[in-house]
């Protein structure tokens, strides 16, 4: 069996026992990337010499008996939305194509401190805005199970990299399902932690009250291993919660007795494809065979979740992306060409005696802002910024944004009431398996509805996990979503591991990759 077929937990055991070195392991995964990624396009940047040098340093410390971190020698891929000091962090956007942050994101610093080997930055939807990974300025990611289909977004590169055995561990971010959706579509395990559980410092912001960083891996056991490194209070992030971090890796294998699962009736209605529902309900039967009890619950305001999300998220995006103006950092339009164009227009209007046209003519600063943003942002980012700017404008703020915040509170209350009756909610991750590349590009509403089952967790600030639970008739992965009360990641991971010890869906790998 190839090393790339082993889980992160199994690889760490081999490293610890001296059966393999980190240089050997890192080289195997780098070779795998070189062989497979030209087809998948999961990575935007690989630094082979730096990764091997880091692995050699860890091997030397292990050989000399020095203490090592929890991930010592394991390769980890980073979604390119996380700042890495002195290295490109593009958010898959032309706007940040040449941006090199002067500091590490907190999660990056913690991975380095845990002696992980950071092997590269993964592709994504531009500024994390998208559900298919087709919005990257540098080309789409392809699903390893069928390269004509999407991997899901926005963390599609991270999910595809894990599914295609190019890395044992990867980091993503989840604003409305951006870890769980690609995990579900690519047949891997992906966790969105509770808001505040993992520091967002150094995460390039999309929607600050919704964004959360989390891990993707093959198994819940592997997710538990890396979550213990990522989680914890960070004074640099004012939204980071100061509460103890459980030993997820130690407790993940403990079964949950008396588990009460809730099925939200709103998640099993119109729009859910039959084969997805069947796979999810079969997964529920597995839990029942393990001693869980199941009951139906209601999330009555979930029917407003999509509309609520697509007001709040664009409003926050409009505010967060206002900083990309060409004046401070990031892309700036060609000023010489812009000024020459402006002068030609001015002369033409002056010659025509068009004083009104001259009055309306942009000044150089406004022209620079407008051209910079038009050139730097892709169409989906521009669409969301315009939606958010409109909803925040005078006369519309109360009617749209403020009302959305009130509905968000009701959505959270629905979850709170449900968790008074059950320990976890179980249901589908996505309405269908992976769709074809280009299928929804010209239909934004259809694309937005694809997040129907995942955005509630972001609006409520709770944790959720996607685990493989079956395959479609076309051989495409189907995911089961579990959701838990705030800061109950330990419960999520234990429940996911229970399922994975009783099934083998998570062990399957793409046949052609």
Protein backbone atom coordinates (compact mmCIF):
# COMPACT_ATOMS: atom_id res chain seq x y z
CA UNK A 1 0.00 0.00 0.00
CA UNK A 2 1.28 3.46 -0.92
CA UNK A 3 1.98 5.95 1.84
CA UNK A 4 -0.53 8.28 0.21
CA UNK A 5 -3.30 5.77 0.97
CA UNK A 6 -2.68 5.93 4.72
CA UNK A 7 -4.50 8.32 7.02
CA UNK A 8 -2.74 11.14 8.82
CA UNK A 9 -3.00 9.21 12.10
CA UNK A 10 -1.40 6.15 10.54
CA UNK A 11 1.35 8.24 8.96
CA UNK A 12 2.10 9.99 12.24
CA UNK A 13 2.51 6.61 13.93
CA UNK A 14 5.03 5.54 11.28
CA UNK A 15 6.93 8.79 11.70
CA UNK A 16 6.98 8.44 15.47
CA UNK A 17 8.15 4.83 15.30
CA UNK A 18 10.92 5.71 12.85
CA UNK A 19 9.52 3.59 10.02
CA UNK A 20 9.61 6.56 7.65
CA UNK A 21 11.15 10.03 7.69
CA UNK A 22 9.35 13.30 7.09
CA UNK A 23 11.59 13.96 4.08
CA UNK A 24 10.53 10.62 2.59
CA UNK A 25 6.86 11.24 3.34
CA UNK A 26 6.88 14.82 2.09
CA UNK A 27 8.65 13.76 -1.09
CA UNK A 28 6.01 11.09 -1.75
CA UNK A 29 3.19 13.62 -1.49
CA UNK A 30 5.04 16.21 -3.56
CA UNK A 31 5.58 13.59 -6.27
CA UNK A 32 1.90 12.73 -6.08
CA UNK A 33 1.00 16.40 -6.59
CA UNK A 34 3.32 16.62 -9.59
CA UNK A 35 1.66 13.57 -11.14
CA UNK A 36 -2.01 14.31 -10.39
CA UNK A 37 -2.50 18.04 -9.96
CA UNK A 38 -2.13 19.00 -13.63
CA UNK A 39 -5.50 17.26 -14.01
CA UNK A 40 -7.15 18.43 -10.76
CA UNK A 41 -5.66 21.95 -10.36
CA UNK A 42 -6.12 21.83 -6.58
CA UNK A 43 -2.94 23.82 -5.85
CA UNK A 44 -2.04 27.40 -6.69
CA UNK A 45 1.47 27.23 -5.29
CA UNK A 46 3.93 24.51 -4.24
CA UNK A 47 7.33 25.26 -2.71
CA UNK A 48 9.09 21.91 -2.93
CA UNK A 49 12.53 23.04 -1.66
CA UNK A 50 11.04 24.82 1.36
CA UNK A 51 8.81 21.86 2.24
CA UNK A 52 11.68 19.37 2.02
CA UNK A 53 13.96 21.66 4.03
CA UNK A 54 11.31 21.92 6.75
CA UNK A 55 10.88 18.13 6.73
CA UNK A 56 14.65 17.63 7.05
CA UNK A 57 14.75 20.01 10.01
CA UNK A 58 12.00 18.02 11.78
CA UNK A 59 13.79 14.73 11.03
CA UNK A 60 17.01 16.09 12.54
CA UNK A 61 15.20 17.18 15.70
CA UNK A 62 13.48 13.81 15.97
CA UNK A 63 16.80 11.98 15.53
CA UNK A 64 18.40 14.04 18.29
CA UNK A 65 15.57 13.33 20.72
CA UNK A 66 14.23 16.88 20.86
CA UNK A 67 10.53 17.39 21.70
CA UNK A 68 8.27 17.69 18.70
CA UNK A 69 4.80 19.06 18.05
CA UNK A 70 1.56 17.13 17.60
CA UNK A 71 1.83 17.02 13.79
CA UNK A 72 5.57 16.47 13.59
CA UNK A 73 6.49 15.81 9.97
CA UNK A 74 2.96 15.58 8.51
CA UNK A 75 2.25 17.50 5.28
CA UNK A 76 -0.58 20.04 5.46
CA UNK A 77 -2.06 22.10 2.61
CA UNK A 78 -3.44 25.60 3.21
CA UNK A 79 -6.35 27.27 1.48
CA UNK A 80 -4.95 30.39 -0.17
CA UNK A 81 -7.08 32.65 2.01
CA UNK A 82 -4.67 32.33 4.95
CA UNK A 83 -1.81 34.77 5.31
CA UNK A 84 1.67 33.25 5.18
CA UNK A 85 4.57 35.57 5.96
CA UNK A 86 6.55 36.57 2.89
CA UNK A 87 4.73 34.09 0.64
CA UNK A 88 1.97 34.82 -1.91
CA UNK A 89 -1.56 34.85 -0.52
CA UNK A 90 -3.86 35.49 -3.46
CA UNK A 91 -7.39 34.43 -2.42
CA UNK A 92 -7.48 33.16 -6.02
CA UNK A 93 -7.95 36.77 -7.15
CA UNK A 94 -6.12 39.04 -9.56
CA UNK A 95 -6.58 41.70 -6.90
CA UNK A 96 -4.04 39.96 -4.63
CA UNK A 97 -2.03 38.12 -7.27
CA UNK A 98 1.27 39.60 -6.06
CA UNK A 99 0.41 40.16 -2.38
CA UNK A 100 2.88 38.83 0.19
CA UNK A 101 1.69 39.30 3.79
CA UNK A 102 4.19 40.44 6.40
CA UNK A 103 2.83 37.98 9.00
CA UNK A 104 1.40 34.49 9.49
CA UNK A 105 -2.25 33.83 10.25
CA UNK A 106 -2.65 32.43 13.76
CA UNK A 107 -3.61 28.98 12.43
CA UNK A 108 -0.51 28.99 10.22
CA UNK A 109 1.66 29.91 13.20
CA UNK A 110 0.07 27.11 15.24
CA UNK A 111 0.66 24.58 12.46
CA UNK A 112 4.30 25.62 12.28
CA UNK A 113 4.58 25.33 16.08
CA UNK A 114 3.08 21.83 15.83
CA UNK A 115 5.87 20.96 13.34
CA UNK A 116 3.60 20.43 10.35
CA UNK A 117 5.16 20.61 6.90
CA UNK A 118 3.26 23.22 4.91
CA UNK A 119 3.39 21.91 1.36
CA UNK A 120 1.37 24.46 -0.59
CA UNK A 121 -1.58 26.81 -1.04
CA UNK A 122 -4.79 25.42 -2.48
CA UNK A 123 -7.11 26.82 -5.12
CA UNK A 124 -10.48 28.29 -4.14
CA UNK A 125 -13.37 30.46 -5.26
CA UNK A 126 -12.18 34.07 -5.42
CA UNK A 127 -12.27 35.61 -1.94
CA UNK A 128 -14.15 32.45 -0.86
CA UNK A 129 -17.24 33.55 -2.79
CA UNK A 130 -18.75 30.55 -4.51
CA UNK A 131 -20.01 27.03 -4.14
CA UNK A 132 -18.33 25.30 -7.06
CA UNK A 133 -14.69 26.50 -7.19
CA UNK A 134 -15.30 27.83 -10.70
CA UNK A 135 -14.78 31.45 -9.59
CA UNK A 136 -11.02 31.23 -9.17
CA UNK A 137 -9.14 33.79 -11.26
CA UNK A 138 -6.61 31.04 -11.98
CA UNK A 139 -8.96 28.37 -13.29
CA UNK A 140 -11.38 25.89 -11.70
CA UNK A 141 -10.63 22.86 -9.58
CA UNK A 142 -11.84 19.50 -10.92
CA UNK A 143 -13.50 16.85 -8.79
CA UNK A 144 -11.19 13.80 -8.50
CA UNK A 145 -14.19 11.45 -8.78
CA UNK A 146 -15.18 12.91 -12.15
CA UNK A 147 -12.99 15.65 -13.59
CA UNK A 148 -15.90 17.03 -15.59
CA UNK A 149 -17.64 17.94 -12.33
CA UNK A 150 -17.11 20.57 -9.65
CA UNK A 151 -15.47 19.77 -6.31
CA UNK A 152 -17.68 22.24 -4.43
CA UNK A 153 -16.56 25.53 -3.01
CA UNK A 154 -15.11 27.62 -1.83
CA UNK A 155 -12.55 25.23 -0.28
CA UNK A 156 -12.65 22.96 -3.31
CA UNK A 157 -8.90 22.88 -3.73
CA UNK A 158 -8.36 21.64 -0.17
CA UNK A 159 -11.08 18.97 -0.46
CA UNK A 160 -9.89 17.78 -3.87
CA UNK A 161 -6.29 17.62 -2.66
CA UNK A 162 -7.28 15.32 0.22
CA UNK A 163 -9.58 13.19 -1.97
CA UNK A 164 -6.89 12.75 -4.64
CA UNK A 165 -4.34 11.71 -1.99
CA UNK A 166 -2.13 14.76 -2.61
CA UNK A 167 -2.09 15.64 1.09
CA UNK A 168 -3.26 13.86 4.24
CA UNK A 169 -4.48 17.11 5.84
CA UNK A 170 -5.75 20.44 4.56
CA UNK A 171 -7.17 23.66 5.94
CA UNK A 172 -10.24 25.43 4.56
CA UNK A 173 -12.64 28.16 5.57
CA UNK A 174 -16.41 27.97 5.83
CA UNK A 175 -18.69 31.01 5.44
CA UNK A 176 -21.84 29.25 4.24
CA UNK A 177 -20.74 25.65 3.74
CA UNK A 178 -17.35 26.15 2.13
CA UNK A 179 -15.71 23.29 4.03
CA UNK A 180 -18.69 20.94 4.33
CA UNK A 181 -19.96 21.20 0.74
CA UNK A 182 -16.64 20.31 -0.94
CA UNK A 183 -16.02 17.63 1.68
CA UNK A 184 -19.39 16.12 0.79
CA UNK A 185 -18.87 16.33 -2.97
CA UNK A 186 -15.32 14.96 -2.81
CA UNK A 187 -15.94 12.15 -0.32
CA UNK A 188 -13.75 13.41 2.54
CA UNK A 189 -14.36 14.58 6.11
CA UNK A 190 -14.62 18.32 6.74
CA UNK A 191 -15.40 20.23 9.94
CA UNK A 192 -16.72 23.77 10.39
CA UNK A 193 -16.05 24.60 14.05
CA UNK A 194 -18.22 26.83 16.22
CA UNK A 195 -17.70 30.53 15.52
CA UNK A 196 -14.93 31.64 17.88
CA UNK A 197 -13.42 28.17 18.39
CA UNK A 198 -10.57 28.80 15.89
CA UNK A 199 -8.86 32.17 15.48
CA UNK A 200 -9.64 34.12 12.31
CA UNK A 201 -6.59 36.38 12.65
CA UNK A 202 -4.83 36.35 9.30
CA UNK A 203 -7.83 34.94 7.42
CA UNK A 204 -8.59 37.30 4.54
CA UNK A 205 -12.14 38.32 5.37
CA UNK A 206 -15.22 37.62 3.28
CA UNK A 207 -18.03 37.97 5.85
CA UNK A 208 -16.56 38.49 9.30
CA UNK A 209 -19.54 37.30 11.37
CA UNK A 210 -19.82 34.08 9.34
CA UNK A 211 -16.25 33.04 8.40
CA UNK A 212 -14.68 30.16 10.29
CA UNK A 213 -11.50 28.16 9.65
CA UNK A 214 -11.52 24.37 9.85
CA UNK A 215 -9.79 21.15 8.74
CA UNK A 216 -10.39 18.61 5.99
CA UNK A 217 -9.01 15.07 6.11
CA UNK A 218 -9.88 11.50 5.25
CA UNK A 219 -11.32 10.58 8.67
CA UNK A 220 -12.84 12.11 11.79
CA UNK A 221 -9.83 10.77 13.70
CA UNK A 222 -7.52 12.85 11.50
CA UNK A 223 -9.74 15.92 11.84
CA UNK A 224 -9.60 15.52 15.63
CA UNK A 225 -5.80 15.37 15.49
CA UNK A 226 -5.44 18.68 13.66
CA UNK A 227 -8.33 20.49 15.35
CA UNK A 228 -6.49 20.17 18.64
CA UNK A 229 -3.71 22.25 17.08
CA UNK A 230 -5.97 24.87 15.49
CA UNK A 231 -8.46 25.47 18.30
CA UNK A 232 -8.04 27.81 21.23
CA UNK A 233 -8.23 31.42 22.31
CA UNK A 234 -6.23 34.06 20.45
CA UNK A 235 -5.94 37.59 21.87
CA UNK A 236 -5.34 38.87 18.33
CA UNK A 237 -8.91 37.91 17.35
CA UNK A 238 -11.58 39.74 19.34
CA UNK A 239 -14.17 37.10 18.35
CA UNK A 240 -12.02 34.21 19.61
CA UNK A 241 -13.61 32.56 22.65
CA UNK A 242 -11.52 31.90 25.75
CA UNK A 243 -12.53 28.43 26.88
CA UNK A 244 -10.63 25.16 27.32
CA UNK A 245 -9.84 23.01 24.29
CA UNK A 246 -10.72 19.33 24.75
CA UNK A 247 -8.23 16.65 23.81
CA UNK A 248 -10.10 15.77 20.63
CA UNK A 249 -7.57 13.17 19.49
CA UNK A 250 -7.82 11.27 22.78
CA UNK A 251 -11.62 11.24 23.05
CA UNK A 252 -12.61 10.77 19.39
CA UNK A 253 -12.62 6.97 19.67
CA UNK A 254 -15.01 6.93 22.64
CA UNK A 255 -18.50 5.89 21.47
CA UNK A 256 -21.49 8.04 22.41
CA UNK A 257 -24.05 6.10 24.40
CA UNK A 258 -27.67 7.18 24.31
CA UNK A 259 -27.07 9.46 21.30
CA UNK A 260 -30.21 11.38 20.28
CA UNK A 261 -30.27 12.37 16.62
CA UNK A 262 -32.70 14.90 15.20
CA UNK A 263 -33.85 15.07 11.59
CA UNK A 264 -35.00 18.54 10.56
CA UNK A 265 -38.13 18.00 8.47
CA UNK A 266 -37.27 21.12 6.46
CA UNK A 267 -34.10 19.39 5.17
CA UNK A 268 -35.96 16.48 3.61
CA UNK A 269 -38.37 18.24 1.30
CA UNK A 270 -38.47 19.87 -2.09
CA UNK A 271 -35.14 20.15 -3.92
CA UNK A 272 -33.47 17.16 -2.26
CA UNK A 273 -32.53 14.56 -4.86
CA UNK A 274 -33.90 11.10 -4.15
CA UNK A 275 -30.60 9.23 -4.18
CA UNK A 276 -29.11 11.73 -1.72
CA UNK A 277 -32.05 11.30 0.65
CA UNK A 278 -31.79 7.52 0.44
CA UNK A 279 -28.07 7.56 1.28
CA UNK A 280 -28.63 9.90 4.23
CA UNK A 281 -31.51 7.82 5.60
CA UNK A 282 -29.41 4.66 5.28
CA UNK A 283 -26.71 6.42 7.29
CA UNK A 284 -29.28 7.22 9.97
CA UNK A 285 -30.12 3.51 10.16
CA UNK A 286 -26.44 2.82 10.87
CA UNK A 287 -26.64 5.14 13.86
CA UNK A 288 -29.79 3.40 15.04
CA UNK A 289 -27.97 0.07 14.84
CA UNK A 290 -25.30 1.62 17.08
CA UNK A 291 -27.89 2.51 19.72
CA UNK A 292 -28.91 6.03 18.70
CA UNK A 293 -32.50 7.18 18.87
CA UNK A 294 -33.91 9.32 16.09
CA UNK A 295 -36.72 11.86 16.12
CA UNK A 296 -38.02 14.53 13.80
CA UNK A 297 -37.51 18.17 14.77
CA UNK A 298 -38.31 21.46 13.10
CA UNK A 299 -36.25 24.48 12.07
CA UNK A 300 -39.20 26.62 10.96
CA UNK A 301 -37.19 29.68 9.94
CA UNK A 302 -34.75 27.69 7.78
CA UNK A 303 -36.86 28.58 4.73
CA UNK A 304 -35.55 32.12 5.12
CA UNK A 305 -31.90 31.07 5.56
CA UNK A 306 -30.80 31.53 1.94
CA UNK A 307 -32.34 35.00 1.67
CA UNK A 308 -30.94 35.98 5.06
CA UNK A 309 -27.46 34.72 4.23
CA UNK A 310 -27.37 36.42 0.84
CA UNK A 311 -28.11 39.75 2.49
CA UNK A 312 -25.76 39.52 5.46
CA UNK A 313 -22.80 37.95 3.64
CA UNK A 314 -22.75 40.43 0.71
CA UNK A 315 -23.18 43.36 3.09
CA UNK A 316 -20.16 42.26 5.08
CA UNK A 317 -18.26 41.53 1.88
CA UNK A 318 -19.02 45.02 0.59
CA UNK A 319 -17.50 46.47 3.75
CA UNK A 320 -14.50 44.11 3.92
CA UNK A 321 -13.56 44.47 0.25
CA UNK A 322 -13.76 48.26 0.27
CA UNK A 323 -10.08 48.26 1.29
CA UNK A 324 -9.03 47.03 -2.17
CA UNK A 325 -8.90 50.45 -3.82
CA UNK A 326 -5.51 50.40 -5.53
CA UNK A 327 -4.11 52.92 -3.06
CA UNK A 328 -2.65 50.72 -0.33
CA UNK A 329 -1.86 47.18 -1.48
CA UNK A 330 -2.95 44.68 -4.05
CA UNK A 331 -3.68 45.35 -7.70
CA UNK A 332 -3.57 48.90 -9.08
CA UNK A 333 -4.61 49.80 -12.60
CA UNK A 334 -2.08 51.16 -15.09
CA UNK A 335 -2.14 54.80 -14.08
CA UNK A 336 -0.32 56.17 -17.11
CA UNK A 337 -2.79 54.57 -19.48
CA UNK A 338 -5.71 55.65 -17.30
CA UNK A 339 -4.56 59.29 -17.18
CA UNK A 340 -3.98 59.32 -20.92
CA UNK A 341 -7.47 57.98 -21.49
CA UNK A 342 -8.93 60.55 -19.13
CA UNK A 343 -7.15 63.38 -20.93
CA UNK A 344 -8.41 62.19 -24.34
CA UNK A 345 -11.98 62.15 -23.00
CA UNK A 346 -11.55 65.61 -21.46
CA UNK A 347 -10.22 67.10 -24.68
CA UNK A 348 -13.03 65.57 -26.72
CA UNK A 349 -15.69 66.96 -24.39
CA UNK A 350 -13.98 70.35 -24.29
CA UNK A 351 -13.77 70.51 -28.08
CA UNK A 352 -17.47 69.67 -28.31
CA UNK A 353 -18.32 72.34 -25.76
CA UNK A 354 -20.01 69.71 -23.59
CA UNK A 355 -19.80 71.41 -20.19
CA UNK A 356 -22.24 68.95 -18.61
CA UNK A 357 -20.09 66.05 -19.78
CA UNK A 358 -17.01 67.72 -18.33
CA UNK A 359 -18.80 68.14 -15.00
CA UNK A 360 -19.68 64.44 -14.96
CA UNK A 361 -16.21 63.25 -15.94
CA UNK A 362 -14.48 61.23 -13.23
CA UNK A 363 -11.52 62.77 -11.51
CA UNK A 364 -8.29 60.74 -11.59
CA UNK A 365 -8.78 59.23 -8.13
CA UNK A 366 -12.31 57.99 -8.79
CA UNK A 367 -11.23 56.62 -12.17
CA UNK A 368 -8.34 54.79 -10.51
CA UNK A 369 -10.64 53.21 -7.90
CA UNK A 370 -13.18 52.14 -10.50
CA UNK A 371 -10.72 50.62 -12.95
CA UNK A 372 -8.68 48.91 -10.24
CA UNK A 373 -11.70 47.14 -8.82
CA UNK A 374 -13.14 46.26 -12.23
CA UNK A 375 -9.85 44.68 -13.27
CA UNK A 376 -9.03 43.04 -9.94
CA UNK A 377 -12.37 41.44 -9.03
CA UNK A 378 -14.10 38.66 -10.94
CA UNK A 379 -17.81 38.70 -11.82
CA UNK A 380 -19.07 36.82 -8.72
CA UNK A 381 -17.18 39.09 -6.34
CA UNK A 382 -18.48 42.16 -8.15
CA UNK A 383 -22.01 40.77 -7.99
CA UNK A 384 -21.87 40.25 -4.22
CA UNK A 385 -20.23 43.59 -3.53
CA UNK A 386 -22.96 45.34 -5.50
CA UNK A 387 -25.69 43.40 -3.68
CA UNK A 388 -24.20 44.30 -0.32
CA UNK A 389 -23.60 47.94 -1.18
CA UNK A 390 -27.20 48.28 -2.32
CA UNK A 391 -28.60 46.67 0.84
CA UNK A 392 -26.49 48.95 3.04
CA UNK A 393 -27.37 52.14 1.18
CA UNK A 394 -29.55 54.91 2.61
CA UNK A 395 -33.21 53.99 2.58
CA UNK A 396 -32.57 50.23 2.29
CA UNK A 397 -30.50 49.41 5.39
CA UNK A 398 -33.51 48.88 7.68
CA UNK A 399 -35.58 47.12 5.02
CA UNK A 400 -32.89 44.59 4.14
CA UNK A 401 -29.80 44.31 6.35
CA UNK A 402 -31.43 45.07 9.70
CA UNK A 403 -34.34 42.74 8.94
CA UNK A 404 -31.91 39.99 7.94
CA UNK A 405 -30.14 40.32 11.30
CA UNK A 406 -33.48 39.86 13.10
CA UNK A 407 -34.27 36.73 11.08
CA UNK A 408 -30.77 35.44 11.82
CA UNK A 409 -31.62 35.59 15.52
CA UNK A 410 -34.76 33.54 14.89
CA UNK A 411 -32.73 30.94 12.98
CA UNK A 412 -30.35 30.61 15.93
CA UNK A 413 -33.31 30.22 18.30
CA UNK A 414 -34.64 27.38 16.13
CA UNK A 415 -31.36 25.52 16.59
CA UNK A 416 -31.32 26.22 20.33
CA UNK A 417 -34.82 24.76 20.70
CA UNK A 418 -33.94 21.71 18.62
CA UNK A 419 -30.87 21.00 20.75
CA UNK A 420 -33.06 20.95 23.86
CA UNK A 421 -34.56 17.76 22.42
CA UNK A 422 -31.60 16.13 20.62
CA UNK A 423 -27.81 15.93 20.87
CA UNK A 424 -27.06 16.33 17.16
CA UNK A 425 -28.90 17.16 13.96
CA UNK A 426 -28.35 14.87 11.00
CA UNK A 427 -29.17 15.49 7.36
CA UNK A 428 -27.83 16.04 3.86
CA UNK A 429 -24.90 18.31 3.06
CA UNK A 430 -25.99 19.24 -0.46
CA UNK A 431 -29.24 18.73 -2.41
CA UNK A 432 -27.48 16.74 -5.16
CA UNK A 433 -24.10 15.13 -5.83
CA UNK A 434 -21.49 17.14 -7.71
CA UNK A 435 -22.86 18.89 -10.79
CA UNK A 436 -20.99 19.42 -14.04
CA UNK A 437 -18.54 22.25 -14.57
CA UNK A 438 -20.36 25.17 -16.19
CA UNK A 439 -23.82 23.81 -15.36
CA UNK A 440 -24.78 26.59 -12.94
CA UNK A 441 -22.38 29.36 -13.90
CA UNK A 442 -25.09 31.42 -15.60
CA UNK A 443 -27.68 30.74 -12.90
CA UNK A 444 -26.53 32.42 -9.66
CA UNK A 445 -29.79 31.66 -7.83
CA UNK A 446 -29.46 27.93 -8.49
CA UNK A 447 -25.85 28.11 -7.29
CA UNK A 448 -26.89 29.94 -4.11
CA UNK A 449 -29.61 27.38 -3.36
CA UNK A 450 -26.97 24.65 -3.37
CA UNK A 451 -25.95 25.92 0.11
CA UNK A 452 -29.47 25.39 1.44
CA UNK A 453 -28.55 22.84 4.12
CA UNK A 454 -25.24 24.33 5.29
CA UNK A 455 -25.74 28.09 5.70
CA UNK A 456 -27.90 27.70 8.79
CA UNK A 457 -24.89 26.61 10.86
CA UNK A 458 -22.98 29.75 9.85
CA UNK A 459 -25.91 32.05 10.61
CA UNK A 460 -26.33 30.35 14.00
CA UNK A 461 -22.59 30.15 14.70
CA UNK A 462 -22.69 26.42 15.50
CA UNK A 463 -20.42 23.59 14.43
CA UNK A 464 -21.04 21.09 11.64
CA UNK A 465 -19.23 18.20 10.01
CA UNK A 466 -19.57 16.41 6.67
CA UNK A 467 -18.72 12.72 6.42
CA UNK A 468 -19.00 10.36 3.42
CA UNK A 469 -22.13 8.20 3.58
CA UNK A 470 -22.64 6.74 0.12
CA UNK A 471 -22.43 7.17 -3.63
CA UNK A 472 -24.79 8.17 -6.40
CA UNK A 473 -25.66 5.99 -9.38
CA UNK A 474 -22.89 7.85 -11.28
CA UNK A 475 -20.33 6.91 -8.63
CA UNK A 476 -20.21 10.37 -7.02
CA UNK A 477 -19.79 10.81 -3.25
CA UNK A 478 -22.71 11.77 -1.02
CA UNK A 479 -22.15 13.45 2.34
CA UNK A 480 -23.94 13.24 5.69
CA UNK A 481 -24.00 16.43 7.74
CA UNK A 482 -24.02 16.43 11.54
CA UNK A 483 -24.59 19.67 13.44
CA UNK A 484 -24.07 20.27 17.16
CA UNK A 485 -24.70 22.92 19.82
CA UNK A 486 -21.99 25.58 20.20
CA UNK A 487 -18.54 24.27 21.20
CA UNK A 488 -19.56 20.61 20.99
CA UNK A 489 -16.96 19.67 18.37
CA UNK A 490 -15.93 16.78 20.60
CA UNK A 491 -19.44 15.33 20.29
CA UNK A 492 -19.43 15.86 16.51
CA UNK A 493 -16.11 14.09 16.09
CA UNK A 494 -17.05 11.16 18.32
CA UNK A 495 -20.33 10.70 16.43
CA UNK A 496 -18.53 10.91 13.07
CA UNK A 497 -15.92 8.39 14.20
CA UNK A 498 -18.66 6.01 15.40
CA UNK A 499 -20.11 6.02 11.92
CA UNK A 500 -16.74 5.56 10.25
CA UNK A 501 -15.85 2.56 12.40
CA UNK A 502 -19.11 0.92 11.25
CA UNK A 503 -18.84 1.83 7.53
CA UNK A 504 -16.16 2.07 4.88
CA UNK A 505 -17.39 4.98 2.72
CA UNK A 506 -14.50 7.15 3.90
CA UNK A 507 -11.95 4.57 2.73
CA UNK A 508 -12.99 4.71 -0.92
CA UNK A 509 -10.76 6.58 -3.32
CA UNK A 510 -11.34 7.98 -6.81
CA UNK A 511 -10.81 5.12 -9.27
CA UNK A 512 -9.09 7.10 -12.03
CA UNK A 513 -6.72 9.18 -9.92
